[in-house]
Amino acid sequence: MCINGTYLSYRRRSSWLFKTLILHLLIIYVSVPFLIRLFPALLAKFVFFNIMAFPLVDFGKPELLLNHTVNFYLTTEPEVTVGVWHVLPGSRGIEAQGKDHSWYEETLADDNPIIIYLHGNGGNRASGHRVSLMKVMSGAGFHILALDYRGYGDSSGCPSETGLTTDAMCLYDWVKARSGNSTVLFWGHSLGSGVATNVARKLLEEKGIQVDLIVLEAAYTNIREAAAHIPITMIYRQFPGFEYLILDSMALGDMFFRNDENVKVLSSPLLILHAEDDPILPIHLGRKLFEIALHSYENKDKVKFVAFPEKLGLAHENICIDPELPAIVKDFLKSIK
């Protein structure tokens, strides 16, 4: 009798705890969209995701991850300093031994093409897939300048769309002051694709400068449409007021990343790369951006879309491991010169 009573008491307590947990989860689920609408800055935590600081590395010693690489810092605004890695073309690796940062600067004018790499959200310039891309493109004869925007890695400040654009613009100006006749291109991955087109548009409209080439990897049309498709918003897509409470709050938080509007006014050669099995930003977003650009560009040969088959399993971050990638970029470069 005592045993049965104890068992019944245990079941009642378990049932009460389960119902309480469900109630709390329901309250949280319902509250989140309204909190986002009231405090749109909360969305920035998800869009930039810079709280995910891994991997933890000594940024001052990039040689632990990359050969012939030097670390340096740029002040992009008062009290904002961003960290940058400069990876040399593999062909210059041997002569780079023992050289200082000033020597690395001088190499930017050696006529090898230069990639300004603008990474996506989360992590930092030492993240595995980013290091893999640097290795691949260095081996293909490119300089790579990879920065951590403000608030990422060892860079100071807090991220914002305006801030990220400013950081990338400052790095471009720094590179152009040292690159001579070398080709300089933007490579924007995921969130970084919006930074790349923002800077390219700003350079065109404010300085009359046309970027030599823009490569967009795993791109999207704009941040609002991207947010409607990323996995994290799946549980809210049927929520009443999803667009008003969550998607429209992007604008209230000053986050737009308008790739679709930017490509309408750009004239720089544009190469869009997307994996068919991308689970984060579906390939139809990349195709839609390509169609907008193709319709807007007077010279259609300056716009190209490359889809990487699903069977390759490259997903959102691993286009860099396709052995054809360097040839795709080089061939497009040759075609536009």
C-alpha atoms as a PDB file:
ATOM      1  CA  MET A   1       0.000   0.000   0.000  1.00  0.00           C
ATOM      2  CA  CYS A   2       2.838   2.322   0.881  1.00  0.00           C
ATOM      3  CA  ILE A   3       4.664   1.376  -2.288  1.00  0.00           C
ATOM      4  CA  ASN A   4       1.594   2.083  -4.417  1.00  0.00           C
ATOM      5  CA  GLY A   5       1.119   5.410  -2.693  1.00  0.00           C
ATOM      6  CA  THR A   6       4.705   6.386  -3.342  1.00  0.00           C
ATOM      7  CA  TYR A   7       4.384   5.353  -6.981  1.00  0.00           C
ATOM      8  CA  LEU A   8       1.207   7.399  -7.427  1.00  0.00           C
ATOM      9  CA  SER A   9       2.866  10.385  -5.799  1.00  0.00           C
ATOM     10  CA  TYR A  10       5.847  10.020  -8.129  1.00  0.00           C
ATOM     11  CA  ARG A  11       3.566   9.870 -11.181  1.00  0.00           C
ATOM     12  CA  ARG A  12       1.621  12.947 -10.091  1.00  0.00           C
ATOM     13  CA  ARG A  13       4.830  14.869  -9.501  1.00  0.00           C
ATOM     14  CA  SER A  14       6.275  13.776 -12.865  1.00  0.00           C
ATOM     15  CA  SER A  15       3.053  14.768 -14.609  1.00  0.00           C
ATOM     16  CA  TRP A  16       3.089  18.157 -12.871  1.00  0.00           C
ATOM     17  CA  LEU A  17       6.728  18.759 -13.838  1.00  0.00           C
ATOM     18  CA  PHE A  18       6.040  17.779 -17.447  1.00  0.00           C
ATOM     19  CA  LYS A  19       3.012  20.081 -17.701  1.00  0.00           C
ATOM     20  CA  THR A  20       4.991  22.912 -16.105  1.00  0.00           C
ATOM     21  CA  LEU A  21       7.835  22.427 -18.574  1.00  0.00           C
ATOM     22  CA  ILE A  22       5.439  22.427 -21.529  1.00  0.00           C
ATOM     23  CA  LEU A  23       3.756  25.584 -20.206  1.00  0.00           C
ATOM     24  CA  HIS A  24       7.096  27.370 -19.808  1.00  0.00           C
ATOM     25  CA  LEU A  25       8.207  26.345 -23.305  1.00  0.00           C
ATOM     26  CA  LEU A  26       4.895  27.559 -24.712  1.00  0.00           C
ATOM     27  CA  ILE A  27       5.256  30.908 -22.950  1.00  0.00           C
ATOM     28  CA  ILE A  28       8.796  31.287 -24.304  1.00  0.00           C
ATOM     29  CA  TYR A  29       7.692  30.273 -27.803  1.00  0.00           C
ATOM     30  CA  VAL A  30       4.877  32.829 -27.851  1.00  0.00           C
ATOM     31  CA  SER A  31       6.930  35.572 -26.178  1.00  0.00           C
ATOM     32  CA  VAL A  32       9.973  35.522 -28.496  1.00  0.00           C
ATOM     33  CA  PRO A  33       8.308  37.106 -31.577  1.00  0.00           C
ATOM     34  CA  PHE A  34       6.814  39.901 -29.479  1.00  0.00           C
ATOM     35  CA  LEU A  35      10.119  40.550 -27.705  1.00  0.00           C
ATOM     36  CA  ILE A  36      11.852  40.746 -31.081  1.00  0.00           C
ATOM     37  CA  ARG A  37       9.314  43.276 -32.306  1.00  0.00           C
ATOM     38  CA  LEU A  38       9.697  45.353 -29.138  1.00  0.00           C
ATOM     39  CA  PHE A  39      13.498  44.999 -29.062  1.00  0.00           C
ATOM     40  CA  PRO A  40      14.690  44.443 -32.661  1.00  0.00           C
ATOM     41  CA  ALA A  41      18.313  44.670 -31.506  1.00  0.00           C
ATOM     42  CA  LEU A  42      17.803  41.113 -30.238  1.00  0.00           C
ATOM     43  CA  LEU A  43      17.757  39.983 -33.854  1.00  0.00           C
ATOM     44  CA  ALA A  44      21.305  41.216 -34.306  1.00  0.00           C
ATOM     45  CA  LYS A  45      22.431  38.460 -31.927  1.00  0.00           C
ATOM     46  CA  PHE A  46      21.087  35.895 -34.382  1.00  0.00           C
ATOM     47  CA  VAL A  47      22.041  37.677 -37.613  1.00  0.00           C
ATOM     48  CA  PHE A  48      25.676  38.320 -36.667  1.00  0.00           C
ATOM     49  CA  PHE A  49      26.015  35.444 -34.183  1.00  0.00           C
ATOM     50  CA  ASN A  50      29.396  36.796 -33.116  1.00  0.00           C
ATOM     51  CA  ILE A  51      28.853  35.346 -29.655  1.00  0.00           C
ATOM     52  CA  MET A  52      29.985  32.073 -31.249  1.00  0.00           C
ATOM     53  CA  ALA A  53      33.680  32.900 -30.884  1.00  0.00           C
ATOM     54  CA  PHE A  54      35.198  29.522 -31.728  1.00  0.00           C
ATOM     55  CA  PRO A  55      37.777  28.468 -32.614  1.00  0.00           C
ATOM     56  CA  LEU A  56      39.921  29.933 -29.856  1.00  0.00           C
ATOM     57  CA  VAL A  57      43.331  30.613 -31.383  1.00  0.00           C
ATOM     58  CA  ASP A  58      46.268  32.964 -31.091  1.00  0.00           C
ATOM     59  CA  PHE A  59      45.455  35.295 -33.984  1.00  0.00           C
ATOM     60  CA  GLY A  60      48.938  36.737 -33.793  1.00  0.00           C
ATOM     61  CA  LYS A  61      50.349  33.369 -34.871  1.00  0.00           C
ATOM     62  CA  PRO A  62      48.473  32.479 -38.068  1.00  0.00           C
ATOM     63  CA  GLU A  63      51.401  30.254 -39.060  1.00  0.00           C
ATOM     64  CA  LEU A  64      49.947  27.637 -36.709  1.00  0.00           C
ATOM     65  CA  LEU A  65      47.131  27.207 -39.227  1.00  0.00           C
ATOM     66  CA  LEU A  66      48.421  28.712 -42.462  1.00  0.00           C
ATOM     67  CA  ASN A  67      51.810  28.880 -44.124  1.00  0.00           C
ATOM     68  CA  HIS A  68      53.271  32.202 -45.362  1.00  0.00           C
ATOM     69  CA  THR A  69      50.686  34.294 -43.500  1.00  0.00           C
ATOM     70  CA  VAL A  70      51.048  37.456 -41.449  1.00  0.00           C
ATOM     71  CA  ASN A  71      48.663  39.055 -38.955  1.00  0.00           C
ATOM     72  CA  PHE A  72      48.043  42.804 -38.678  1.00  0.00           C
ATOM     73  CA  TYR A  73      45.431  45.317 -37.531  1.00  0.00           C
ATOM     74  CA  LEU A  74      43.580  48.210 -39.135  1.00  0.00           C
ATOM     75  CA  THR A  75      41.812  51.046 -37.350  1.00  0.00           C
ATOM     76  CA  THR A  76      38.613  51.498 -39.343  1.00  0.00           C
ATOM     77  CA  GLU A  77      36.951  54.047 -37.080  1.00  0.00           C
ATOM     78  CA  PRO A  78      37.895  55.733 -33.804  1.00  0.00           C
ATOM     79  CA  GLU A  79      38.108  52.975 -31.172  1.00  0.00           C
ATOM     80  CA  VAL A  80      37.461  50.229 -33.740  1.00  0.00           C
ATOM     81  CA  THR A  81      40.387  48.004 -34.700  1.00  0.00           C
ATOM     82  CA  VAL A  82      39.970  44.905 -36.847  1.00  0.00           C
ATOM     83  CA  GLY A  83      42.297  41.948 -37.214  1.00  0.00           C
ATOM     84  CA  VAL A  84      43.445  40.811 -40.671  1.00  0.00           C
ATOM     85  CA  TRP A  85      45.402  37.850 -42.023  1.00  0.00           C
ATOM     86  CA  HIS A  86      47.372  38.264 -45.228  1.00  0.00           C
ATOM     87  CA  VAL A  87      48.005  34.928 -46.930  1.00  0.00           C
ATOM     88  CA  LEU A  88      50.546  34.977 -49.764  1.00  0.00           C
ATOM     89  CA  PRO A  89      50.234  33.030 -53.021  1.00  0.00           C
ATOM     90  CA  GLY A  90      51.749  29.609 -52.451  1.00  0.00           C
ATOM     91  CA  SER A  91      54.392  30.284 -55.099  1.00  0.00           C
ATOM     92  CA  ARG A  92      55.934  32.948 -52.845  1.00  0.00           C
ATOM     93  CA  GLY A  93      55.945  30.845 -49.702  1.00  0.00           C
ATOM     94  CA  ILE A  94      59.658  30.018 -49.613  1.00  0.00           C
ATOM     95  CA  GLU A  95      60.871  33.580 -50.043  1.00  0.00           C
ATOM     96  CA  ALA A  96      58.448  34.754 -47.333  1.00  0.00           C
ATOM     97  CA  GLN A  97      60.366  32.963 -44.597  1.00  0.00           C
ATOM     98  CA  GLY A  98      61.618  35.454 -42.031  1.00  0.00           C
ATOM     99  CA  LYS A  99      60.004  38.457 -43.749  1.00  0.00           C
ATOM    100  CA  ASP A 100      58.111  41.128 -41.832  1.00  0.00           C
ATOM    101  CA  HIS A 101      54.754  42.789 -42.423  1.00  0.00           C
ATOM    102  CA  SER A 102      56.179  45.607 -44.557  1.00  0.00           C
ATOM    103  CA  TRP A 103      57.592  43.028 -46.983  1.00  0.00           C
ATOM    104  CA  TYR A 104      54.182  41.362 -47.191  1.00  0.00           C
ATOM    105  CA  GLU A 105      52.637  44.740 -48.020  1.00  0.00           C
ATOM    106  CA  GLU A 106      55.024  45.214 -50.911  1.00  0.00           C
ATOM    107  CA  THR A 107      54.073  41.853 -52.407  1.00  0.00           C
ATOM    108  CA  LEU A 108      50.526  43.075 -53.048  1.00  0.00           C
ATOM    109  CA  ALA A 109      51.813  44.810 -56.182  1.00  0.00           C
ATOM    110  CA  ASP A 110      53.292  41.621 -57.670  1.00  0.00           C
ATOM    111  CA  ASP A 111      50.420  41.225 -60.204  1.00  0.00           C
ATOM    112  CA  ASN A 112      48.966  38.163 -58.489  1.00  0.00           C
ATOM    113  CA  PRO A 113      45.194  38.652 -57.959  1.00  0.00           C
ATOM    114  CA  ILE A 114      44.053  39.667 -54.478  1.00  0.00           C
ATOM    115  CA  ILE A 115      40.996  38.334 -52.653  1.00  0.00           C
ATOM    116  CA  ILE A 116      39.422  40.400 -49.897  1.00  0.00           C
ATOM    117  CA  TYR A 117      37.579  37.644 -48.038  1.00  0.00           C
ATOM    118  CA  LEU A 118      34.385  38.646 -46.219  1.00  0.00           C
ATOM    119  CA  HIS A 119      33.187  35.787 -44.057  1.00  0.00           C
ATOM    120  CA  GLY A 120      29.708  34.852 -42.907  1.00  0.00           C
ATOM    121  CA  ASN A 121      28.231  35.050 -39.428  1.00  0.00           C
ATOM    122  CA  GLY A 122      29.588  33.232 -36.400  1.00  0.00           C
ATOM    123  CA  GLY A 123      33.134  32.086 -35.767  1.00  0.00           C
ATOM    124  CA  ASN A 124      36.120  34.093 -36.955  1.00  0.00           C
ATOM    125  CA  ARG A 125      38.843  34.125 -39.604  1.00  0.00           C
ATOM    126  CA  ALA A 126      40.351  30.971 -38.107  1.00  0.00           C
ATOM    127  CA  SER A 127      37.211  28.849 -38.660  1.00  0.00           C
ATOM    128  CA  GLY A 128      37.973  25.604 -40.455  1.00  0.00           C
ATOM    129  CA  HIS A 129      36.128  26.152 -43.738  1.00  0.00           C
ATOM    130  CA  ARG A 130      37.559  29.679 -44.014  1.00  0.00           C
ATOM    131  CA  VAL A 131      41.115  28.466 -43.484  1.00  0.00           C
ATOM    132  CA  SER A 132      40.461  25.734 -46.080  1.00  0.00           C
ATOM    133  CA  LEU A 133      39.380  28.322 -48.654  1.00  0.00           C
ATOM    134  CA  MET A 134      42.470  30.433 -47.943  1.00  0.00           C
ATOM    135  CA  LYS A 135      44.716  27.419 -48.472  1.00  0.00           C
ATOM    136  CA  VAL A 136      43.008  26.476 -51.737  1.00  0.00           C
ATOM    137  CA  MET A 137      43.061  29.957 -53.252  1.00  0.00           C
ATOM    138  CA  SER A 138      46.607  30.638 -52.019  1.00  0.00           C
ATOM    139  CA  GLY A 139      47.675  27.459 -53.768  1.00  0.00           C
ATOM    140  CA  ALA A 140      45.956  28.765 -56.913  1.00  0.00           C
ATOM    141  CA  GLY A 141      48.096  31.915 -56.918  1.00  0.00           C
ATOM    142  CA  PHE A 142      45.961  34.439 -55.022  1.00  0.00           C
ATOM    143  CA  HIS A 143      46.754  36.777 -52.163  1.00  0.00           C
ATOM    144  CA  ILE A 144      44.028  36.560 -49.517  1.00  0.00           C
ATOM    145  CA  LEU A 145      43.230  39.339 -47.065  1.00  0.00           C
ATOM    146  CA  ALA A 146      40.807  37.910 -44.512  1.00  0.00           C
ATOM    147  CA  LEU A 147      39.455  40.238 -41.865  1.00  0.00           C
ATOM    148  CA  ASP A 148      37.327  39.742 -38.791  1.00  0.00           C
ATOM    149  CA  TYR A 149      34.714  42.454 -38.753  1.00  0.00           C
ATOM    150  CA  ARG A 150      34.222  44.507 -35.610  1.00  0.00           C
ATOM    151  CA  GLY A 151      33.045  42.303 -32.764  1.00  0.00           C
ATOM    152  CA  TYR A 152      34.460  39.116 -34.299  1.00  0.00           C
ATOM    153  CA  GLY A 153      37.669  37.321 -33.392  1.00  0.00           C
ATOM    154  CA  ASP A 154      40.110  39.765 -31.835  1.00  0.00           C
ATOM    155  CA  SER A 155      38.500  42.828 -33.429  1.00  0.00           C
ATOM    156  CA  SER A 156      37.011  45.481 -31.184  1.00  0.00           C
ATOM    157  CA  GLY A 157      33.569  47.065 -31.390  1.00  0.00           C
ATOM    158  CA  CYS A 158      30.072  45.683 -31.969  1.00  0.00           C
ATOM    159  CA  PRO A 159      28.764  44.431 -35.316  1.00  0.00           C
ATOM    160  CA  SER A 160      26.181  46.272 -37.403  1.00  0.00           C
ATOM    161  CA  GLU A 161      25.519  46.369 -41.118  1.00  0.00           C
ATOM    162  CA  THR A 162      26.983  49.852 -41.390  1.00  0.00           C
ATOM    163  CA  GLY A 163      29.980  48.855 -39.279  1.00  0.00           C
ATOM    164  CA  LEU A 164      30.767  45.725 -41.290  1.00  0.00           C
ATOM    165  CA  THR A 165      30.538  47.725 -44.502  1.00  0.00           C
ATOM    166  CA  THR A 166      32.893  50.370 -43.108  1.00  0.00           C
ATOM    167  CA  ASP A 167      35.425  47.738 -42.031  1.00  0.00           C
ATOM    168  CA  ALA A 168      35.457  46.116 -45.472  1.00  0.00           C
ATOM    169  CA  MET A 169      35.692  49.492 -47.192  1.00  0.00           C
ATOM    170  CA  CYS A 170      38.741  50.450 -45.111  1.00  0.00           C
ATOM    171  CA  LEU A 171      40.478  47.186 -45.945  1.00  0.00           C
ATOM    172  CA  TYR A 172      39.749  47.721 -49.651  1.00  0.00           C
ATOM    173  CA  ASP A 173      41.223  51.233 -49.522  1.00  0.00           C
ATOM    174  CA  TRP A 174      44.271  49.893 -47.681  1.00  0.00           C
ATOM    175  CA  VAL A 175      44.799  47.159 -50.281  1.00  0.00           C
ATOM    176  CA  LYS A 176      44.287  49.468 -53.276  1.00  0.00           C
ATOM    177  CA  ALA A 177      46.896  51.861 -51.921  1.00  0.00           C
ATOM    178  CA  ARG A 178      49.457  49.037 -52.162  1.00  0.00           C
ATOM    179  CA  SER A 179      48.269  46.761 -54.964  1.00  0.00           C
ATOM    180  CA  GLY A 180      49.524  48.617 -58.043  1.00  0.00           C
ATOM    181  CA  ASN A 181      47.939  47.000 -61.111  1.00  0.00           C
ATOM    182  CA  SER A 182      46.990  43.776 -59.351  1.00  0.00           C
ATOM    183  CA  THR A 183      43.376  42.621 -59.676  1.00  0.00           C
ATOM    184  CA  VAL A 184      41.437  43.117 -56.429  1.00  0.00           C
ATOM    185  CA  LEU A 185      38.239  41.178 -55.856  1.00  0.00           C
ATOM    186  CA  PHE A 186      35.673  40.752 -53.100  1.00  0.00           C
ATOM    187  CA  TRP A 187      34.749  37.250 -52.002  1.00  0.00           C
ATOM    188  CA  GLY A 188      31.673  37.279 -49.786  1.00  0.00           C
ATOM    189  CA  HIS A 189      30.386  34.108 -48.173  1.00  0.00           C
ATOM    190  CA  SER A 190      26.836  33.878 -46.813  1.00  0.00           C
ATOM    191  CA  LEU A 191      26.252  37.013 -44.682  1.00  0.00           C
ATOM    192  CA  GLY A 192      29.486  38.361 -46.182  1.00  0.00           C
ATOM    193  CA  SER A 193      27.884  38.440 -49.637  1.00  0.00           C
ATOM    194  CA  GLY A 194      25.758  41.337 -48.405  1.00  0.00           C
ATOM    195  CA  VAL A 195      28.842  43.108 -47.105  1.00  0.00           C
ATOM    196  CA  ALA A 196      30.578  42.606 -50.473  1.00  0.00           C
ATOM    197  CA  THR A 197      27.778  44.142 -52.549  1.00  0.00           C
ATOM    198  CA  ASN A 198      27.260  46.929 -50.010  1.00  0.00           C
ATOM    199  CA  VAL A 199      30.902  47.984 -50.349  1.00  0.00           C
ATOM    200  CA  ALA A 200      30.941  47.557 -54.118  1.00  0.00           C
ATOM    201  CA  ARG A 201      27.883  49.764 -54.453  1.00  0.00           C
ATOM    202  CA  LYS A 202      29.284  52.372 -52.078  1.00  0.00           C
ATOM    203  CA  LEU A 203      32.571  52.490 -53.992  1.00  0.00           C
ATOM    204  CA  LEU A 204      30.712  52.958 -57.258  1.00  0.00           C
ATOM    205  CA  GLU A 205      28.295  55.624 -56.053  1.00  0.00           C
ATOM    206  CA  GLU A 206      30.646  57.606 -53.809  1.00  0.00           C
ATOM    207  CA  LYS A 207      33.993  57.235 -55.585  1.00  0.00           C
ATOM    208  CA  GLY A 208      33.141  56.073 -59.097  1.00  0.00           C
ATOM    209  CA  ILE A 209      35.253  52.927 -58.528  1.00  0.00           C
ATOM    210  CA  GLN A 210      34.260  49.632 -60.106  1.00  0.00           C
ATOM    211  CA  VAL A 211      35.519  46.586 -58.218  1.00  0.00           C
ATOM    212  CA  ASP A 212      37.473  44.231 -60.475  1.00  0.00           C
ATOM    213  CA  LEU A 213      35.368  41.178 -59.560  1.00  0.00           C
ATOM    214  CA  ILE A 214      32.783  40.138 -56.982  1.00  0.00           C
ATOM    215  CA  VAL A 215      32.447  36.493 -55.962  1.00  0.00           C
ATOM    216  CA  LEU A 216      29.354  35.646 -53.923  1.00  0.00           C
ATOM    217  CA  GLU A 217      29.325  32.230 -52.269  1.00  0.00           C
ATOM    218  CA  ALA A 218      26.087  30.882 -50.755  1.00  0.00           C
ATOM    219  CA  ALA A 219      24.410  34.242 -51.300  1.00  0.00           C
ATOM    220  CA  TYR A 220      20.836  35.469 -50.820  1.00  0.00           C
ATOM    221  CA  THR A 221      18.618  38.259 -52.114  1.00  0.00           C
ATOM    222  CA  ASN A 222      18.258  40.270 -48.903  1.00  0.00           C
ATOM    223  CA  ILE A 223      18.417  39.536 -45.200  1.00  0.00           C
ATOM    224  CA  ARG A 224      14.628  39.562 -44.780  1.00  0.00           C
ATOM    225  CA  GLU A 225      14.127  36.873 -47.395  1.00  0.00           C
ATOM    226  CA  ALA A 226      17.104  34.914 -46.093  1.00  0.00           C
ATOM    227  CA  ALA A 227      15.604  34.936 -42.590  1.00  0.00           C
ATOM    228  CA  ALA A 228      12.381  33.481 -43.970  1.00  0.00           C
ATOM    229  CA  HIS A 229      14.273  30.396 -45.165  1.00  0.00           C
ATOM    230  CA  ILE A 230      17.021  29.652 -42.652  1.00  0.00           C
ATOM    231  CA  PRO A 231      16.339  26.613 -40.430  1.00  0.00           C
ATOM    232  CA  ILE A 232      16.196  28.537 -37.153  1.00  0.00           C
ATOM    233  CA  THR A 233      12.976  30.343 -38.206  1.00  0.00           C
ATOM    234  CA  MET A 234      11.203  27.137 -39.252  1.00  0.00           C
ATOM    235  CA  ILE A 235       9.302  26.807 -35.983  1.00  0.00           C
ATOM    236  CA  TYR A 236       7.797  30.268 -36.444  1.00  0.00           C
ATOM    237  CA  ARG A 237       6.818  30.253 -40.110  1.00  0.00           C
ATOM    238  CA  GLN A 238       3.225  29.277 -39.297  1.00  0.00           C
ATOM    239  CA  PHE A 239       3.095  31.611 -36.307  1.00  0.00           C
ATOM    240  CA  PRO A 240       0.416  34.313 -36.729  1.00  0.00           C
ATOM    241  CA  GLY A 241       2.187  37.568 -37.551  1.00  0.00           C
ATOM    242  CA  PHE A 242       5.520  35.876 -38.416  1.00  0.00           C
ATOM    243  CA  GLU A 243       6.344  38.414 -41.136  1.00  0.00           C
ATOM    244  CA  TYR A 244       5.305  41.448 -39.093  1.00  0.00           C
ATOM    245  CA  LEU A 245       6.798  40.362 -35.776  1.00  0.00           C
ATOM    246  CA  ILE A 246      10.049  38.821 -36.998  1.00  0.00           C
ATOM    247  CA  LEU A 247      10.848  39.526 -40.649  1.00  0.00           C
ATOM    248  CA  ASP A 248       9.776  43.165 -40.632  1.00  0.00           C
ATOM    249  CA  SER A 249      11.781  43.708 -37.442  1.00  0.00           C
ATOM    250  CA  MET A 250      14.974  43.311 -39.499  1.00  0.00           C
ATOM    251  CA  ALA A 251      14.434  46.807 -40.859  1.00  0.00           C
ATOM    252  CA  LEU A 252      13.710  48.169 -37.386  1.00  0.00           C
ATOM    253  CA  GLY A 253      17.118  46.828 -36.365  1.00  0.00           C
ATOM    254  CA  ASP A 254      18.772  48.539 -39.363  1.00  0.00           C
ATOM    255  CA  MET A 255      19.601  45.230 -41.043  1.00  0.00           C
ATOM    256  CA  PHE A 256      18.910  45.026 -44.759  1.00  0.00           C
ATOM    257  CA  PHE A 257      21.875  43.543 -46.665  1.00  0.00           C
ATOM    258  CA  ARG A 258      20.143  44.233 -49.985  1.00  0.00           C
ATOM    259  CA  ASN A 259      22.062  42.094 -52.456  1.00  0.00           C
ATOM    260  CA  ASP A 260      19.080  42.233 -54.819  1.00  0.00           C
ATOM    261  CA  GLU A 261      18.987  46.033 -54.880  1.00  0.00           C
ATOM    262  CA  ASN A 262      22.760  46.371 -54.976  1.00  0.00           C
ATOM    263  CA  VAL A 263      23.292  44.196 -58.060  1.00  0.00           C
ATOM    264  CA  LYS A 264      20.777  46.330 -59.963  1.00  0.00           C
ATOM    265  CA  VAL A 265      23.204  49.249 -59.948  1.00  0.00           C
ATOM    266  CA  LEU A 266      26.542  47.401 -60.069  1.00  0.00           C
ATOM    267  CA  SER A 267      28.563  46.844 -63.202  1.00  0.00           C
ATOM    268  CA  SER A 268      31.452  44.826 -61.741  1.00  0.00           C
ATOM    269  CA  PRO A 269      31.831  41.254 -63.023  1.00  0.00           C
ATOM    270  CA  LEU A 270      29.778  39.019 -60.748  1.00  0.00           C
ATOM    271  CA  LEU A 271      30.318  35.310 -60.072  1.00  0.00           C
ATOM    272  CA  ILE A 272      27.714  33.567 -57.880  1.00  0.00           C
ATOM    273  CA  LEU A 273      28.536  30.141 -56.407  1.00  0.00           C
ATOM    274  CA  HIS A 274      25.966  27.957 -54.674  1.00  0.00           C
ATOM    275  CA  ALA A 275      25.695  24.312 -53.600  1.00  0.00           C
ATOM    276  CA  GLU A 276      22.464  22.561 -54.531  1.00  0.00           C
ATOM    277  CA  ASP A 277      22.302  20.956 -51.078  1.00  0.00           C
ATOM    278  CA  ASP A 278      22.822  24.150 -49.062  1.00  0.00           C
ATOM    279  CA  PRO A 279      20.563  23.656 -46.005  1.00  0.00           C
ATOM    280  CA  ILE A 280      21.085  27.166 -44.605  1.00  0.00           C
ATOM    281  CA  LEU A 281      20.456  29.388 -47.623  1.00  0.00           C
ATOM    282  CA  PRO A 282      18.597  27.381 -50.280  1.00  0.00           C
ATOM    283  CA  ILE A 283      19.986  27.545 -53.789  1.00  0.00           C
ATOM    284  CA  HIS A 284      16.844  29.186 -55.148  1.00  0.00           C
ATOM    285  CA  LEU A 285      17.896  32.378 -53.317  1.00  0.00           C
ATOM    286  CA  GLY A 286      21.214  32.363 -55.197  1.00  0.00           C
ATOM    287  CA  ARG A 287      19.456  31.671 -58.499  1.00  0.00           C
ATOM    288  CA  LYS A 288      16.978  34.477 -57.870  1.00  0.00           C
ATOM    289  CA  LEU A 289      19.829  36.896 -57.191  1.00  0.00           C
ATOM    290  CA  PHE A 290      21.523  35.770 -60.394  1.00  0.00           C
ATOM    291  CA  GLU A 291      18.348  36.373 -62.430  1.00  0.00           C
ATOM    292  CA  ILE A 292      18.005  39.876 -60.975  1.00  0.00           C
ATOM    293  CA  ALA A 293      21.630  40.664 -61.843  1.00  0.00           C
ATOM    294  CA  LEU A 294      21.348  39.140 -65.311  1.00  0.00           C
ATOM    295  CA  HIS A 295      18.280  41.239 -66.045  1.00  0.00           C
ATOM    296  CA  SER A 296      19.965  44.411 -64.757  1.00  0.00           C
ATOM    297  CA  TYR A 297      23.448  44.084 -66.277  1.00  0.00           C
ATOM    298  CA  GLU A 298      23.870  45.538 -69.744  1.00  0.00           C
ATOM    299  CA  ASN A 299      26.705  43.108 -70.475  1.00  0.00           C
ATOM    300  CA  LYS A 300      25.265  39.671 -69.660  1.00  0.00           C
ATOM    301  CA  ASP A 301      28.682  38.029 -70.011  1.00  0.00           C
ATOM    302  CA  LYS A 302      29.767  39.747 -66.796  1.00  0.00           C
ATOM    303  CA  VAL A 303      27.328  37.696 -64.705  1.00  0.00           C
ATOM    304  CA  LYS A 304      27.730  33.966 -64.081  1.00  0.00           C
ATOM    305  CA  PHE A 305      26.057  31.424 -61.814  1.00  0.00           C
ATOM    306  CA  VAL A 306      27.696  28.122 -60.901  1.00  0.00           C
ATOM    307  CA  ALA A 307      25.700  25.425 -59.127  1.00  0.00           C
ATOM    308  CA  PHE A 308      27.581  22.640 -57.361  1.00  0.00           C
ATOM    309  CA  PRO A 309      25.685  19.315 -57.631  1.00  0.00           C
ATOM    310  CA  GLU A 310      24.016  17.848 -54.572  1.00  0.00           C
ATOM    311  CA  LYS A 311      25.976  14.612 -54.974  1.00  0.00           C
ATOM    312  CA  LEU A 312      29.167  16.483 -53.982  1.00  0.00           C
ATOM    313  CA  GLY A 313      27.740  17.129 -50.511  1.00  0.00           C
ATOM    314  CA  LEU A 314      29.256  20.608 -50.233  1.00  0.00           C
ATOM    315  CA  ALA A 315      26.323  22.110 -48.305  1.00  0.00           C
ATOM    316  CA  HIS A 316      26.748  25.662 -46.993  1.00  0.00           C
ATOM    317  CA  GLU A 317      30.443  25.868 -46.154  1.00  0.00           C
ATOM    318  CA  ASN A 318      32.412  23.396 -48.254  1.00  0.00           C
ATOM    319  CA  ILE A 319      32.445  24.656 -51.827  1.00  0.00           C
ATOM    320  CA  CYS A 320      36.120  25.304 -51.117  1.00  0.00           C
ATOM    321  CA  ILE A 321      36.885  21.572 -51.226  1.00  0.00           C
ATOM    322  CA  ASP A 322      35.714  21.175 -54.824  1.00  0.00           C
ATOM    323  CA  PRO A 323      38.952  20.803 -56.838  1.00  0.00           C
ATOM    324  CA  GLU A 324      37.329  22.697 -59.724  1.00  0.00           C
ATOM    325  CA  LEU A 325      36.841  25.887 -57.707  1.00  0.00           C
ATOM    326  CA  PRO A 326      40.162  27.634 -58.546  1.00  0.00           C
ATOM    327  CA  ALA A 327      39.697  26.940 -62.256  1.00  0.00           C
ATOM    328  CA  ILE A 328      36.132  28.290 -62.150  1.00  0.00           C
ATOM    329  CA  VAL A 329      37.335  31.570 -60.656  1.00  0.00           C
ATOM    330  CA  LYS A 330      40.409  31.865 -62.898  1.00  0.00           C
ATOM    331  CA  ASP A 331      38.460  31.093 -66.070  1.00  0.00           C
ATOM    332  CA  PHE A 332      35.866  33.730 -65.218  1.00  0.00           C
ATOM    333  CA  LEU A 333      38.631  36.237 -64.518  1.00  0.00           C
ATOM    334  CA  LYS A 334      40.147  35.560 -67.935  1.00  0.00           C
ATOM    335  CA  SER A 335      36.782  35.855 -69.663  1.00  0.00           C
ATOM    336  CA  ILE A 336      36.143  39.372 -68.366  1.00  0.00           C
ATOM    337  CA  LYS A 337      39.558  40.849 -69.155  1.00  0.00           C
END
